[in-house]
mmCIF file of all heavy atoms, coordinates in Angstrom:
data_MODEL
# 
_entry.id   MODEL 
# 
loop_
_atom_site.group_PDB 
_atom_site.id 
_atom_site.type_symbol 
_atom_site.label_atom_id 
_atom_site.label_alt_id 
_atom_site.label_comp_id 
_atom_site.label_asym_id 
_atom_site.label_entity_id 
_atom_site.label_seq_id 
_atom_site.pdbx_PDB_ins_code 
_atom_site.Cartn_x 
_atom_site.Cartn_y 
_atom_site.Cartn_z 
_atom_site.occupancy 
_atom_site.B_iso_or_equiv 
_atom_site.pdbx_formal_charge 
_atom_site.auth_seq_id 
_atom_site.auth_comp_id 
_atom_site.auth_asym_id 
_atom_site.auth_atom_id 
_atom_site.pdbx_PDB_model_num 
ATOM 1   N N   . ASN A 1 1  ? 84.934 51.534 184.546 1.00 0.00 ? 1  ASN A N   1 
ATOM 2   C CA  . ASN A 1 1  ? 85.356 50.664 185.544 1.00 0.00 ? 1  ASN A CA  1 
ATOM 3   C C   . ASN A 1 1  ? 85.485 49.202 184.913 1.00 0.00 ? 1  ASN A C   1 
ATOM 4   O O   . ASN A 1 1  ? 84.489 48.574 184.649 1.00 0.00 ? 1  ASN A O   1 
ATOM 5   C CB  . ASN A 1 1  ? 84.290 50.576 186.739 1.00 0.00 ? 1  ASN A CB  1 
ATOM 6   C CG  . ASN A 1 1  ? 84.826 49.822 187.928 1.00 0.00 ? 1  ASN A CG  1 
ATOM 7   O OD1 . ASN A 1 1  ? 85.499 48.828 187.820 1.00 0.00 ? 1  ASN A OD1 1 
ATOM 8   N ND2 . ASN A 1 1  ? 84.554 50.399 189.097 1.00 0.00 ? 1  ASN A ND2 1 
ATOM 9   N N   . GLN A 1 2  ? 86.733 48.848 184.734 1.00 0.00 ? 2  GLN A N   1 
ATOM 10  C CA  . GLN A 1 2  ? 86.979 47.601 184.053 1.00 0.00 ? 2  GLN A CA  1 
ATOM 11  C C   . GLN A 1 2  ? 87.058 46.374 184.970 1.00 0.00 ? 2  GLN A C   1 
ATOM 12  O O   . GLN A 1 2  ? 87.259 45.241 184.499 1.00 0.00 ? 2  GLN A O   1 
ATOM 13  C CB  . GLN A 1 2  ? 88.359 47.708 183.305 1.00 0.00 ? 2  GLN A CB  1 
ATOM 14  C CG  . GLN A 1 2  ? 88.351 48.808 182.174 1.00 0.00 ? 2  GLN A CG  1 
ATOM 15  C CD  . GLN A 1 2  ? 89.672 49.556 182.150 1.00 0.00 ? 2  GLN A CD  1 
ATOM 16  O OE1 . GLN A 1 2  ? 90.363 49.713 183.133 1.00 0.00 ? 2  GLN A OE1 1 
ATOM 17  N NE2 . GLN A 1 2  ? 89.923 50.166 180.980 1.00 0.00 ? 2  GLN A NE2 1 
ATOM 18  N N   . GLN A 1 3  ? 86.780 46.549 186.225 1.00 0.00 ? 3  GLN A N   1 
ATOM 19  C CA  . GLN A 1 3  ? 86.966 45.447 187.208 1.00 0.00 ? 3  GLN A CA  1 
ATOM 20  C C   . GLN A 1 3  ? 85.935 44.296 186.825 1.00 0.00 ? 3  GLN A C   1 
ATOM 21  O O   . GLN A 1 3  ? 84.800 44.540 186.522 1.00 0.00 ? 3  GLN A O   1 
ATOM 22  C CB  . GLN A 1 3  ? 86.691 45.881 188.598 1.00 0.00 ? 3  GLN A CB  1 
ATOM 23  C CG  . GLN A 1 3  ? 87.652 47.033 189.053 1.00 0.00 ? 3  GLN A CG  1 
ATOM 24  C CD  . GLN A 1 3  ? 89.126 46.562 188.941 1.00 0.00 ? 3  GLN A CD  1 
ATOM 25  O OE1 . GLN A 1 3  ? 89.447 45.500 189.464 1.00 0.00 ? 3  GLN A OE1 1 
ATOM 26  N NE2 . GLN A 1 3  ? 89.994 47.376 188.487 1.00 0.00 ? 3  GLN A NE2 1 
ATOM 27  N N   . CYS A 1 4  ? 86.537 43.078 186.841 1.00 0.00 ? 4  CYS A N   1 
ATOM 28  C CA  . CYS A 1 4  ? 85.744 41.905 186.352 1.00 0.00 ? 4  CYS A CA  1 
ATOM 29  C C   . CYS A 1 4  ? 84.336 41.804 187.055 1.00 0.00 ? 4  CYS A C   1 
ATOM 30  O O   . CYS A 1 4  ? 83.318 41.623 186.332 1.00 0.00 ? 4  CYS A O   1 
ATOM 31  C CB  . CYS A 1 4  ? 86.568 40.720 186.569 1.00 0.00 ? 4  CYS A CB  1 
ATOM 32  S SG  . CYS A 1 4  ? 85.693 39.144 186.094 1.00 0.00 ? 4  CYS A SG  1 
ATOM 33  N N   . HIS A 1 5  ? 84.332 41.909 188.330 1.00 0.00 ? 5  HIS A N   1 
ATOM 34  C CA  . HIS A 1 5  ? 83.065 41.697 189.082 1.00 0.00 ? 5  HIS A CA  1 
ATOM 35  C C   . HIS A 1 5  ? 82.029 42.780 188.811 1.00 0.00 ? 5  HIS A C   1 
ATOM 36  O O   . HIS A 1 5  ? 80.854 42.549 188.862 1.00 0.00 ? 5  HIS A O   1 
ATOM 37  C CB  . HIS A 1 5  ? 83.309 41.525 190.530 1.00 0.00 ? 5  HIS A CB  1 
ATOM 38  C CG  . HIS A 1 5  ? 84.191 42.473 191.164 1.00 0.00 ? 5  HIS A CG  1 
ATOM 39  N ND1 . HIS A 1 5  ? 85.544 42.548 190.898 1.00 0.00 ? 5  HIS A ND1 1 
ATOM 40  C CD2 . HIS A 1 5  ? 83.876 43.482 192.088 1.00 0.00 ? 5  HIS A CD2 1 
ATOM 41  C CE1 . HIS A 1 5  ? 86.047 43.540 191.633 1.00 0.00 ? 5  HIS A CE1 1 
ATOM 42  N NE2 . HIS A 1 5  ? 85.058 44.101 192.309 1.00 0.00 ? 5  HIS A NE2 1 
ATOM 43  N N   . VAL A 1 6  ? 82.500 43.977 188.483 1.00 0.00 ? 6  VAL A N   1 
ATOM 44  C CA  . VAL A 1 6  ? 81.618 45.089 188.105 1.00 0.00 ? 6  VAL A CA  1 
ATOM 45  C C   . VAL A 1 6  ? 80.997 44.844 186.697 1.00 0.00 ? 6  VAL A C   1 
ATOM 46  O O   . VAL A 1 6  ? 79.780 44.890 186.590 1.00 0.00 ? 6  VAL A O   1 
ATOM 47  C CB  . VAL A 1 6  ? 82.355 46.447 188.036 1.00 0.00 ? 6  VAL A CB  1 
ATOM 48  C CG1 . VAL A 1 6  ? 81.448 47.546 187.544 1.00 0.00 ? 6  VAL A CG1 1 
ATOM 49  C CG2 . VAL A 1 6  ? 82.837 46.786 189.483 1.00 0.00 ? 6  VAL A CG2 1 
ATOM 50  N N   . ILE A 1 7  ? 81.775 44.465 185.748 1.00 0.00 ? 7  ILE A N   1 
ATOM 51  C CA  . ILE A 1 7  ? 81.282 44.187 184.430 1.00 0.00 ? 7  ILE A CA  1 
ATOM 52  C C   . ILE A 1 7  ? 80.388 42.965 184.465 1.00 0.00 ? 7  ILE A C   1 
ATOM 53  O O   . ILE A 1 7  ? 79.335 42.916 183.790 1.00 0.00 ? 7  ILE A O   1 
ATOM 54  C CB  . ILE A 1 7  ? 82.437 43.944 183.458 1.00 0.00 ? 7  ILE A CB  1 
ATOM 55  C CG1 . ILE A 1 7  ? 83.362 45.196 183.405 1.00 0.00 ? 7  ILE A CG1 1 
ATOM 56  C CG2 . ILE A 1 7  ? 81.938 43.613 182.018 1.00 0.00 ? 7  ILE A CG2 1 
ATOM 57  C CD1 . ILE A 1 7  ? 82.643 46.444 182.893 1.00 0.00 ? 7  ILE A CD1 1 
ATOM 58  N N   . LYS A 1 8  ? 80.746 41.917 185.208 1.00 0.00 ? 8  LYS A N   1 
ATOM 59  C CA  . LYS A 1 8  ? 79.915 40.728 185.300 1.00 0.00 ? 8  LYS A CA  1 
ATOM 60  C C   . LYS A 1 8  ? 78.555 41.058 185.800 1.00 0.00 ? 8  LYS A C   1 
ATOM 61  O O   . LYS A 1 8  ? 77.522 40.539 185.351 1.00 0.00 ? 8  LYS A O   1 
ATOM 62  C CB  . LYS A 1 8  ? 80.565 39.669 186.115 1.00 0.00 ? 8  LYS A CB  1 
ATOM 63  C CG  . LYS A 1 8  ? 81.633 38.857 185.443 1.00 0.00 ? 8  LYS A CG  1 
ATOM 64  C CD  . LYS A 1 8  ? 82.134 37.660 186.359 1.00 0.00 ? 8  LYS A CD  1 
ATOM 65  C CE  . LYS A 1 8  ? 83.072 36.809 185.538 1.00 0.00 ? 8  LYS A CE  1 
ATOM 66  N NZ  . LYS A 1 8  ? 83.602 35.679 186.380 1.00 0.00 ? 8  LYS A NZ  1 
ATOM 67  N N   . GLU A 1 9  ? 78.492 41.934 186.854 1.00 0.00 ? 9  GLU A N   1 
ATOM 68  C CA  . GLU A 1 9  ? 77.185 42.296 187.426 1.00 0.00 ? 9  GLU A CA  1 
ATOM 69  C C   . GLU A 1 9  ? 76.410 43.103 186.443 1.00 0.00 ? 9  GLU A C   1 
ATOM 70  O O   . GLU A 1 9  ? 75.148 42.905 186.343 1.00 0.00 ? 9  GLU A O   1 
ATOM 71  C CB  . GLU A 1 9  ? 77.457 42.973 188.766 1.00 0.00 ? 9  GLU A CB  1 
ATOM 72  C CG  . GLU A 1 9  ? 76.064 43.285 189.521 1.00 0.00 ? 9  GLU A CG  1 
ATOM 73  C CD  . GLU A 1 9  ? 75.281 42.071 189.899 1.00 0.00 ? 9  GLU A CD  1 
ATOM 74  O OE1 . GLU A 1 9  ? 75.892 40.950 189.933 1.00 0.00 ? 9  GLU A OE1 1 
ATOM 75  O OE2 . GLU A 1 9  ? 74.068 42.184 190.138 1.00 0.00 ? 9  GLU A OE2 1 
ATOM 76  N N   . ILE A 1 10 ? 77.001 44.033 185.819 1.00 0.00 ? 10 ILE A N   1 
ATOM 77  C CA  . ILE A 1 10 ? 76.272 44.827 184.732 1.00 0.00 ? 10 ILE A CA  1 
ATOM 78  C C   . ILE A 1 10 ? 75.718 43.922 183.715 1.00 0.00 ? 10 ILE A C   1 
ATOM 79  O O   . ILE A 1 10 ? 74.614 44.084 183.299 1.00 0.00 ? 10 ILE A O   1 
ATOM 80  C CB  . ILE A 1 10 ? 77.233 45.928 184.225 1.00 0.00 ? 10 ILE A CB  1 
ATOM 81  C CG1 . ILE A 1 10 ? 77.531 46.999 185.157 1.00 0.00 ? 10 ILE A CG1 1 
ATOM 82  C CG2 . ILE A 1 10 ? 76.556 46.563 182.923 1.00 0.00 ? 10 ILE A CG2 1 
ATOM 83  C CD1 . ILE A 1 10 ? 78.568 47.952 184.788 1.00 0.00 ? 10 ILE A CD1 1 
ATOM 84  N N   . ALA A 1 11 ? 76.466 42.991 183.195 1.00 0.00 ? 11 ALA A N   1 
ATOM 85  C CA  . ALA A 1 11 ? 76.066 42.035 182.210 1.00 0.00 ? 11 ALA A CA  1 
ATOM 86  C C   . ALA A 1 11 ? 74.983 41.104 182.673 1.00 0.00 ? 11 ALA A C   1 
ATOM 87  O O   . ALA A 1 11 ? 73.942 40.900 181.944 1.00 0.00 ? 11 ALA A O   1 
ATOM 88  C CB  . ALA A 1 11 ? 77.228 41.170 181.697 1.00 0.00 ? 11 ALA A CB  1 
ATOM 89  N N   . ARG A 1 12 ? 75.095 40.645 183.970 1.00 0.00 ? 12 ARG A N   1 
ATOM 90  C CA  . ARG A 1 12 ? 74.098 39.747 184.530 1.00 0.00 ? 12 ARG A CA  1 
ATOM 91  C C   . ARG A 1 12 ? 72.780 40.490 184.758 1.00 0.00 ? 12 ARG A C   1 
ATOM 92  O O   . ARG A 1 12 ? 71.713 40.151 184.171 1.00 0.00 ? 12 ARG A O   1 
ATOM 93  C CB  . ARG A 1 12 ? 74.566 39.157 185.836 1.00 0.00 ? 12 ARG A CB  1 
ATOM 94  C CG  . ARG A 1 12 ? 73.600 38.142 186.450 1.00 0.00 ? 12 ARG A CG  1 
ATOM 95  C CD  . ARG A 1 12 ? 73.894 37.859 187.929 1.00 0.00 ? 12 ARG A CD  1 
ATOM 96  N NE  . ARG A 1 12 ? 73.607 39.001 188.754 1.00 0.00 ? 12 ARG A NE  1 
ATOM 97  C CZ  . ARG A 1 12 ? 72.392 39.305 189.178 1.00 0.00 ? 12 ARG A CZ  1 
ATOM 98  N NH1 . ARG A 1 12 ? 71.348 38.523 188.912 1.00 0.00 ? 12 ARG A NH1 1 
ATOM 99  N NH2 . ARG A 1 12 ? 72.163 40.290 189.985 1.00 0.00 ? 12 ARG A NH2 1 
ATOM 100 N N   . TYR A 1 13 ? 72.832 41.608 185.585 1.00 0.00 ? 13 TYR A N   1 
ATOM 101 C CA  . TYR A 1 13 ? 71.557 42.249 185.922 1.00 0.00 ? 13 TYR A CA  1 
ATOM 102 C C   . TYR A 1 13 ? 71.003 43.008 184.716 1.00 0.00 ? 13 TYR A C   1 
ATOM 103 O O   . TYR A 1 13 ? 69.870 43.146 184.483 1.00 0.00 ? 13 TYR A O   1 
ATOM 104 C CB  . TYR A 1 13 ? 71.744 43.177 187.057 1.00 0.00 ? 13 TYR A CB  1 
ATOM 105 C CG  . TYR A 1 13 ? 70.431 43.758 187.616 1.00 0.00 ? 13 TYR A CG  1 
ATOM 106 C CD1 . TYR A 1 13 ? 69.677 43.008 188.534 1.00 0.00 ? 13 TYR A CD1 1 
ATOM 107 C CD2 . TYR A 1 13 ? 70.034 44.992 187.221 1.00 0.00 ? 13 TYR A CD2 1 
ATOM 108 C CE1 . TYR A 1 13 ? 68.492 43.552 188.996 1.00 0.00 ? 13 TYR A CE1 1 
ATOM 109 C CE2 . TYR A 1 13 ? 68.822 45.493 187.699 1.00 0.00 ? 13 TYR A CE2 1 
ATOM 110 C CZ  . TYR A 1 13 ? 68.048 44.776 188.540 1.00 0.00 ? 13 TYR A CZ  1 
ATOM 111 O OH  . TYR A 1 13 ? 66.852 45.277 188.997 1.00 0.00 ? 13 TYR A OH  1 
ATOM 112 N N   . GLY A 1 14 ? 71.954 43.566 183.970 1.00 0.00 ? 14 GLY A N   1 
ATOM 113 C CA  . GLY A 1 14 ? 71.575 44.439 182.742 1.00 0.00 ? 14 GLY A CA  1 
ATOM 114 C C   . GLY A 1 14 ? 70.923 43.625 181.648 1.00 0.00 ? 14 GLY A C   1 
ATOM 115 O O   . GLY A 1 14 ? 70.242 44.259 180.773 1.00 0.00 ? 14 GLY A O   1 
ATOM 116 N N   . SER A 1 15 ? 71.087 42.286 181.731 1.00 0.00 ? 15 SER A N   1 
ATOM 117 C CA  . SER A 1 15 ? 70.444 41.438 180.628 1.00 0.00 ? 15 SER A CA  1 
ATOM 118 C C   . SER A 1 15 ? 68.877 41.565 180.709 1.00 0.00 ? 15 SER A C   1 
ATOM 119 O O   . SER A 1 15 ? 68.211 41.429 179.612 1.00 0.00 ? 15 SER A O   1 
ATOM 120 C CB  . SER A 1 15 ? 70.772 40.025 180.823 1.00 0.00 ? 15 SER A CB  1 
ATOM 121 O OG  . SER A 1 15 ? 70.329 39.470 182.038 1.00 0.00 ? 15 SER A OG  1 
ATOM 122 N N   . HIS A 1 16 ? 68.271 41.965 181.854 1.00 0.00 ? 16 HIS A N   1 
ATOM 123 C CA  . HIS A 1 16 ? 66.823 42.102 181.935 1.00 0.00 ? 16 HIS A CA  1 
ATOM 124 C C   . HIS A 1 16 ? 66.427 43.302 181.007 1.00 0.00 ? 16 HIS A C   1 
ATOM 125 O O   . HIS A 1 16 ? 65.246 43.417 180.636 1.00 0.00 ? 16 HIS A O   1 
ATOM 126 C CB  . HIS A 1 16 ? 66.466 42.441 183.332 1.00 0.00 ? 16 HIS A CB  1 
ATOM 127 C CG  . HIS A 1 16 ? 66.843 41.372 184.375 1.00 0.00 ? 16 HIS A CG  1 
ATOM 128 N ND1 . HIS A 1 16 ? 66.497 40.023 184.238 1.00 0.00 ? 16 HIS A ND1 1 
ATOM 129 C CD2 . HIS A 1 16 ? 67.547 41.423 185.478 1.00 0.00 ? 16 HIS A CD2 1 
ATOM 130 C CE1 . HIS A 1 16 ? 67.006 39.395 185.259 1.00 0.00 ? 16 HIS A CE1 1 
ATOM 131 N NE2 . HIS A 1 16 ? 67.652 40.167 186.037 1.00 0.00 ? 16 HIS A NE2 1 
ATOM 132 N N   . TYR A 1 17 ? 67.362 44.208 180.776 1.00 0.00 ? 17 TYR A N   1 
ATOM 133 C CA  . TYR A 1 17 ? 67.063 45.480 179.995 1.00 0.00 ? 17 TYR A CA  1 
ATOM 134 C C   . TYR A 1 17 ? 67.803 45.508 178.676 1.00 0.00 ? 17 TYR A C   1 
ATOM 135 O O   . TYR A 1 17 ? 67.777 46.475 178.010 1.00 0.00 ? 17 TYR A O   1 
ATOM 136 C CB  . TYR A 1 17 ? 67.433 46.712 180.826 1.00 0.00 ? 17 TYR A CB  1 
ATOM 137 C CG  . TYR A 1 17 ? 66.670 46.727 182.176 1.00 0.00 ? 17 TYR A CG  1 
ATOM 138 C CD1 . TYR A 1 17 ? 67.323 46.304 183.364 1.00 0.00 ? 17 TYR A CD1 1 
ATOM 139 C CD2 . TYR A 1 17 ? 65.416 47.296 182.282 1.00 0.00 ? 17 TYR A CD2 1 
ATOM 140 C CE1 . TYR A 1 17 ? 66.603 46.363 184.546 1.00 0.00 ? 17 TYR A CE1 1 
ATOM 141 C CE2 . TYR A 1 17 ? 64.762 47.305 183.472 1.00 0.00 ? 17 TYR A CE2 1 
ATOM 142 C CZ  . TYR A 1 17 ? 65.347 46.861 184.607 1.00 0.00 ? 17 TYR A CZ  1 
ATOM 143 O OH  . TYR A 1 17 ? 64.606 46.964 185.785 1.00 0.00 ? 17 TYR A OH  1 
ATOM 144 N N   . HIS A 1 18 ? 68.469 44.393 178.318 1.00 0.00 ? 18 HIS A N   1 
ATOM 145 C CA  . HIS A 1 18 ? 69.273 44.391 177.148 1.00 0.00 ? 18 HIS A CA  1 
ATOM 146 C C   . HIS A 1 18 ? 70.439 45.456 177.197 1.00 0.00 ? 18 HIS A C   1 
ATOM 147 O O   . HIS A 1 18 ? 70.675 46.105 176.161 1.00 0.00 ? 18 HIS A O   1 
ATOM 148 C CB  . HIS A 1 18 ? 68.453 44.519 175.871 1.00 0.00 ? 18 HIS A CB  1 
ATOM 149 C CG  . HIS A 1 18 ? 67.282 43.720 175.833 1.00 0.00 ? 18 HIS A CG  1 
ATOM 150 N ND1 . HIS A 1 18 ? 67.287 42.245 175.899 1.00 0.00 ? 18 HIS A ND1 1 
ATOM 151 C CD2 . HIS A 1 18 ? 65.922 43.996 175.784 1.00 0.00 ? 18 HIS A CD2 1 
ATOM 152 C CE1 . HIS A 1 18 ? 66.074 41.773 175.871 1.00 0.00 ? 18 HIS A CE1 1 
ATOM 153 N NE2 . HIS A 1 18 ? 65.260 42.796 175.867 1.00 0.00 ? 18 HIS A NE2 1 
ATOM 154 N N   . HIS A 1 19 ? 70.938 45.673 178.425 1.00 0.00 ? 19 HIS A N   1 
ATOM 155 C CA  . HIS A 1 19 ? 71.956 46.656 178.635 1.00 0.00 ? 19 HIS A CA  1 
ATOM 156 C C   . HIS A 1 19 ? 73.311 46.138 177.996 1.00 0.00 ? 19 HIS A C   1 
ATOM 157 O O   . HIS A 1 19 ? 73.807 45.058 178.389 1.00 0.00 ? 19 HIS A O   1 
ATOM 158 C CB  . HIS A 1 19 ? 72.106 47.012 180.075 1.00 0.00 ? 19 HIS A CB  1 
ATOM 159 C CG  . HIS A 1 19 ? 72.596 48.433 180.352 1.00 0.00 ? 19 HIS A CG  1 
ATOM 160 N ND1 . HIS A 1 19 ? 71.710 49.487 180.543 1.00 0.00 ? 19 HIS A ND1 1 
ATOM 161 C CD2 . HIS A 1 19 ? 73.780 49.033 180.316 1.00 0.00 ? 19 HIS A CD2 1 
ATOM 162 C CE1 . HIS A 1 19 ? 72.309 50.521 180.740 1.00 0.00 ? 19 HIS A CE1 1 
ATOM 163 N NE2 . HIS A 1 19 ? 73.656 50.312 180.608 1.00 0.00 ? 19 HIS A NE2 1 
ATOM 164 N N   . GLY A 1 20 ? 73.975 46.946 177.139 1.00 0.00 ? 20 GLY A N   1 
ATOM 165 C CA  . GLY A 1 20 ? 75.157 46.531 176.481 1.00 0.00 ? 20 GLY A CA  1 
ATOM 166 C C   . GLY A 1 20 ? 76.447 47.064 177.009 1.00 0.00 ? 20 GLY A C   1 
ATOM 167 O O   . GLY A 1 20 ? 76.456 47.692 178.142 1.00 0.00 ? 20 GLY A O   1 
ATOM 168 N N   . LEU A 1 21 ? 77.539 46.942 176.275 1.00 0.00 ? 21 LEU A N   1 
ATOM 169 C CA  . LEU A 1 21 ? 78.834 47.395 176.662 1.00 0.00 ? 21 LEU A CA  1 
ATOM 170 C C   . LEU A 1 21 ? 79.500 48.136 175.597 1.00 0.00 ? 21 LEU A C   1 
ATOM 171 O O   . LEU A 1 21 ? 79.298 47.824 174.349 1.00 0.00 ? 21 LEU A O   1 
ATOM 172 C CB  . LEU A 1 21 ? 79.698 46.200 177.107 1.00 0.00 ? 21 LEU A CB  1 
ATOM 173 C CG  . LEU A 1 21 ? 79.323 45.419 178.353 1.00 0.00 ? 21 LEU A CG  1 
ATOM 174 C CD1 . LEU A 1 21 ? 80.144 44.143 178.490 1.00 0.00 ? 21 LEU A CD1 1 
ATOM 175 C CD2 . LEU A 1 21 ? 79.317 46.261 179.610 1.00 0.00 ? 21 LEU A CD2 1 
ATOM 176 N N   . GLU A 1 22 ? 80.288 49.160 175.952 1.00 0.00 ? 22 GLU A N   1 
ATOM 177 C CA  . GLU A 1 22 ? 81.112 49.875 174.934 1.00 0.00 ? 22 GLU A CA  1 
ATOM 178 C C   . GLU A 1 22 ? 82.582 49.557 175.039 1.00 0.00 ? 22 GLU A C   1 
ATOM 179 O O   . GLU A 1 22 ? 83.041 49.496 176.224 1.00 0.00 ? 22 GLU A O   1 
ATOM 180 C CB  . GLU A 1 22 ? 80.895 51.391 175.102 1.00 0.00 ? 22 GLU A CB  1 
ATOM 181 C CG  . GLU A 1 22 ? 81.700 52.288 174.152 1.00 0.00 ? 22 GLU A CG  1 
ATOM 182 C CD  . GLU A 1 22 ? 83.026 52.726 174.671 1.00 0.00 ? 22 GLU A CD  1 
ATOM 183 O OE1 . GLU A 1 22 ? 83.227 52.779 175.916 1.00 0.00 ? 22 GLU A OE1 1 
ATOM 184 O OE2 . GLU A 1 22 ? 83.922 53.057 173.873 1.00 0.00 ? 22 GLU A OE2 1 
ATOM 185 N N   . ALA A 1 23 ? 83.224 49.220 174.025 1.00 0.00 ? 23 ALA A N   1 
ATOM 186 C CA  . ALA A 1 23 ? 84.642 48.804 174.041 1.00 0.00 ? 23 ALA A CA  1 
ATOM 187 C C   . ALA A 1 23 ? 85.436 49.841 173.246 1.00 0.00 ? 23 ALA A C   1 
ATOM 188 O O   . ALA A 1 23 ? 85.152 50.149 172.066 1.00 0.00 ? 23 ALA A O   1 
ATOM 189 C CB  . ALA A 1 23 ? 84.797 47.455 173.440 1.00 0.00 ? 23 ALA A CB  1 
ATOM 190 N N   . GLY A 1 24 ? 86.532 50.286 173.894 1.00 0.00 ? 24 GLY A N   1 
ATOM 191 C CA  . GLY A 1 24 ? 87.435 51.253 173.166 1.00 0.00 ? 24 GLY A CA  1 
ATOM 192 C C   . GLY A 1 24 ? 88.759 50.631 172.821 1.00 0.00 ? 24 GLY A C   1 
ATOM 193 O O   . GLY A 1 24 ? 89.711 51.386 172.421 1.00 0.00 ? 24 GLY A O   1 
ATOM 194 N N   . SER A 1 25 ? 88.932 49.335 172.963 1.00 0.00 ? 25 SER A N   1 
ATOM 195 C CA  . SER A 1 25 ? 90.267 48.720 172.685 1.00 0.00 ? 25 SER A CA  1 
ATOM 196 C C   . SER A 1 25 ? 89.888 47.211 172.399 1.00 0.00 ? 25 SER A C   1 
ATOM 197 O O   . SER A 1 25 ? 88.799 46.659 172.709 1.00 0.00 ? 25 SER A O   1 
ATOM 198 C CB  . SER A 1 25 ? 91.156 48.799 173.800 1.00 0.00 ? 25 SER A CB  1 
ATOM 199 O OG  . SER A 1 25 ? 90.719 48.036 174.965 1.00 0.00 ? 25 SER A OG  1 
ATOM 200 N N   . LYS A 1 26 ? 90.916 46.469 171.900 1.00 0.00 ? 26 LYS A N   1 
ATOM 201 C CA  . LYS A 1 26 ? 90.695 44.993 171.657 1.00 0.00 ? 26 LYS A CA  1 
ATOM 202 C C   . LYS A 1 26 ? 90.483 44.341 172.973 1.00 0.00 ? 26 LYS A C   1 
ATOM 203 O O   . LYS A 1 26 ? 89.665 43.373 173.025 1.00 0.00 ? 26 LYS A O   1 
ATOM 204 C CB  . LYS A 1 26 ? 91.937 44.418 170.954 1.00 0.00 ? 26 LYS A CB  1 
ATOM 205 C CG  . LYS A 1 26 ? 92.006 44.798 169.414 1.00 0.00 ? 26 LYS A CG  1 
ATOM 206 C CD  . LYS A 1 26 ? 93.226 44.200 168.785 1.00 0.00 ? 26 LYS A CD  1 
ATOM 207 C CE  . LYS A 1 26 ? 94.369 45.030 168.960 1.00 0.00 ? 26 LYS A CE  1 
ATOM 208 N NZ  . LYS A 1 26 ? 95.561 44.631 168.207 1.00 0.00 ? 26 LYS A NZ  1 
# 
């Protein structure tokens, strides 16, 4: 799910758990 507000929320809330992201393109 590449939608901006979804990724932002994962990054924001996930920071409590050092939750990262996987990228398959530039």
